[in-house]
């Protein structure tokens, strides 16, 4: 599910970002803001998820999407596609399927690390908990977390963007003064 937001001051932020110059720096600023905003939703999801062993709770992560599709195209089409992907910043909140539940040790005296289970059961289990099964009641946690914290995350993203823009502008002004 992809959701877009419009927030107050969006055009002003866009103009301020355009004045800062280098796309790499702009992307870094936007990525930091969206990461922190996504973490607000993830924290709420971690609080709402039903906890038996804590594995599902620890599997709720935030991350950014990397535009890997652009690398398959060559020539002008590939460059245009890469530029379009590089100009967007996306964050997701979801289940990290690499988190593995702990297996009980065969020998109770021997300690076992927290990971080590084979198979990606966490992703399937998350879907079962969120949506339920015909014979198991759903216990949604992701959708309610998003609905509860979307506006707070949106407002936080705007505040973070402004703070980072101001910080970058001060840095550029200091650097220009030294040259």
Foldseek 3Di string as FASTA:
>chain_A
DDDDDDDPCPVVLVVLLVVLDDLVLSQVLLQVLLQVLQVQLLVQLLVQADDDPCQLSVQWDKDWDDPPVLVVDDDPVSVVVVVVVSNDTDMDTDGNQQRAAADQDPDNVDDDDRHDDDDRVSRVVLCCQQPNDPVGDHRRRNVVSCVVRVVVSVVSSVVSSVVSSVVSVVVVVVVVVVD
